[in-house]
Amino acid sequence: MRRQFAFFATAGAVAFIVDAGVLYVALAIGMGPFAGRALSFSCAVVTTWLINRTFTFRPPEGRGLLAEFIHYLAAMSVGAVVNYGVYSVAILTLPRSTWSPLIAVAVGVGAGLVFNFIGAKFWVFRHR
């Protein structure tokens, strides 16, 4: 389980780069920090799903790709609520600077990590 968590955290680190990068692009084109984060988080979820199904967990047999992705989205929704909530509080309370969106993404990702790992391991990629 430690190996899986390490791979899961590595996938999360890659997704953090995607999340923050897409957020900063969204902010640069005029999206606000909340709509921009909804877009960037969606990109990050697809990134983690692709990495986790390839390297971290063995996909369960008998479930199609679309069904697996829908299960993954559902499982990540708990972590997403925690992540987005913590991000929102950080955006509203941190002093405005170039770095505050990055810091807010980081604390949100950290807060959602455990919920997302549990959902992925014990529901999405569970084997009978």
Protein backbone atom coordinates (compact mmCIF):
# COMPACT_ATOMS: atom_id res chain seq x y z
CA MET A 1 0.00 0.00 0.00
CA ARG A 2 2.93 2.38 0.61
CA ARG A 3 4.11 1.86 -2.96
CA GLN A 4 0.65 2.65 -4.28
CA PHE A 5 0.40 5.75 -2.13
CA ALA A 6 3.83 6.90 -3.36
CA PHE A 7 2.75 6.44 -6.99
CA PHE A 8 -0.58 8.12 -6.22
CA ALA A 9 1.23 11.09 -4.67
CA THR A 10 3.56 11.25 -7.69
CA ALA A 11 0.54 11.31 -10.00
CA GLY A 12 -0.82 14.07 -7.77
CA ALA A 13 2.41 16.05 -8.16
CA VAL A 14 2.15 15.84 -11.94
CA ALA A 15 -1.52 16.82 -11.74
CA PHE A 16 -0.59 19.73 -9.47
CA ILE A 17 1.61 21.09 -12.26
CA VAL A 18 -1.25 20.64 -14.75
CA ASP A 19 -3.74 22.18 -12.30
CA ALA A 20 -1.60 25.22 -11.52
CA GLY A 21 -0.55 25.69 -15.15
CA VAL A 22 -4.10 25.59 -16.50
CA LEU A 23 -5.26 27.88 -13.68
CA TYR A 24 -2.63 30.50 -14.49
CA VAL A 25 -3.54 30.33 -18.21
CA ALA A 26 -7.23 30.69 -17.29
CA LEU A 27 -6.43 33.69 -15.09
CA ALA A 28 -4.34 35.23 -17.89
CA ILE A 29 -7.25 35.04 -20.34
CA GLY A 30 -9.63 36.67 -17.88
CA MET A 31 -11.31 33.81 -16.08
CA GLY A 32 -11.71 34.38 -12.36
CA PRO A 33 -10.01 32.24 -9.74
CA PHE A 34 -13.10 30.11 -9.11
CA ALA A 35 -14.13 29.34 -12.72
CA GLY A 36 -10.48 28.97 -13.66
CA ARG A 37 -9.99 26.45 -10.88
CA ALA A 38 -13.02 24.44 -11.98
CA LEU A 39 -11.40 24.13 -15.40
CA SER A 40 -7.91 23.43 -14.07
CA PHE A 41 -9.15 20.88 -11.54
CA SER A 42 -11.01 19.02 -14.31
CA CYS A 43 -7.79 18.78 -16.32
CA ALA A 44 -5.93 17.57 -13.23
CA VAL A 45 -8.50 14.82 -12.56
CA VAL A 46 -8.14 13.46 -16.10
CA THR A 47 -4.35 13.55 -15.65
CA THR A 48 -4.44 11.61 -12.37
CA TRP A 49 -6.87 9.05 -13.75
CA LEU A 50 -4.61 8.33 -16.73
CA ILE A 51 -1.49 8.06 -14.57
CA ASN A 52 -3.14 6.07 -11.77
CA ARG A 53 -4.80 3.55 -14.07
CA THR A 54 -1.49 3.05 -15.90
CA PHE A 55 1.08 3.02 -13.07
CA THR A 56 -0.53 3.02 -9.63
CA PHE A 57 -3.44 0.59 -9.71
CA ARG A 58 -4.32 -2.36 -11.86
CA PRO A 59 -7.67 -1.56 -13.54
CA PRO A 60 -10.40 -4.03 -12.55
CA GLU A 61 -11.52 -6.50 -15.19
CA GLY A 62 -14.97 -6.33 -16.68
CA ARG A 63 -15.41 -2.57 -16.45
CA GLY A 64 -15.19 -0.50 -19.59
CA LEU A 65 -13.00 2.57 -19.85
CA LEU A 66 -15.92 5.00 -19.66
CA ALA A 67 -17.42 3.24 -16.64
CA GLU A 68 -14.03 3.28 -14.92
CA PHE A 69 -13.65 7.01 -15.61
CA ILE A 70 -17.14 7.72 -14.25
CA HIS A 71 -16.34 5.72 -11.10
CA TYR A 72 -13.08 7.66 -10.79
CA LEU A 73 -14.89 11.01 -11.11
CA ALA A 74 -17.43 9.94 -8.51
CA ALA A 75 -14.71 8.78 -6.11
CA MET A 76 -12.72 11.98 -6.60
CA SER A 77 -15.81 14.11 -5.93
CA VAL A 78 -15.37 13.84 -2.14
CA GLY A 79 -11.75 14.94 -2.40
CA ALA A 80 -12.80 17.57 -4.94
CA VAL A 81 -15.23 19.16 -2.50
CA VAL A 82 -12.56 19.25 0.20
CA ASN A 83 -9.93 20.47 -2.27
CA TYR A 84 -12.10 23.21 -3.79
CA GLY A 85 -13.38 24.30 -0.37
CA VAL A 86 -9.88 24.70 1.06
CA TYR A 87 -8.74 26.40 -2.17
CA SER A 88 -11.67 28.85 -1.95
CA VAL A 89 -10.96 29.75 1.67
CA ALA A 90 -7.30 30.29 0.79
CA ILE A 91 -8.15 32.48 -2.23
CA LEU A 92 -10.45 34.60 -0.09
CA THR A 93 -8.05 34.96 2.84
CA LEU A 94 -4.55 35.06 1.36
CA PRO A 95 -3.13 38.47 0.45
CA ARG A 96 -3.47 38.98 -3.30
CA SER A 97 -0.22 38.25 -5.09
CA THR A 98 1.10 36.38 -8.08
CA TRP A 99 1.72 33.39 -5.81
CA SER A 100 -1.59 33.19 -3.97
CA PRO A 101 -3.37 31.00 -6.58
CA LEU A 102 -0.43 28.57 -6.50
CA ILE A 103 -0.46 28.44 -2.71
CA ALA A 104 -4.24 27.98 -2.71
CA VAL A 105 -4.00 25.10 -5.20
CA ALA A 106 -1.27 23.46 -3.09
CA VAL A 107 -3.24 23.55 0.16
CA GLY A 108 -6.38 22.37 -1.63
CA VAL A 109 -4.56 19.45 -3.23
CA GLY A 110 -2.99 18.50 0.10
CA ALA A 111 -6.37 18.54 1.82
CA GLY A 112 -8.01 16.32 -0.80
CA LEU A 113 -5.17 13.83 -1.24
CA VAL A 114 -6.15 11.31 1.44
CA PHE A 115 -9.83 11.28 0.46
CA ASN A 116 -8.90 10.74 -3.18
CA PHE A 117 -6.48 7.89 -2.42
CA ILE A 118 -9.05 6.03 -0.32
CA GLY A 119 -11.69 6.43 -3.03
CA ALA A 120 -9.36 5.27 -5.79
CA LYS A 121 -7.89 2.30 -3.92
CA PHE A 122 -11.00 0.93 -2.25
CA TRP A 123 -13.69 1.75 -4.78
CA VAL A 124 -12.50 2.56 -8.31
CA PHE A 125 -9.60 0.10 -8.61
CA ARG A 126 -10.88 -2.49 -6.09
CA HIS A 127 -10.60 -6.11 -7.14
CA ARG A 128 -12.98 -8.76 -5.93
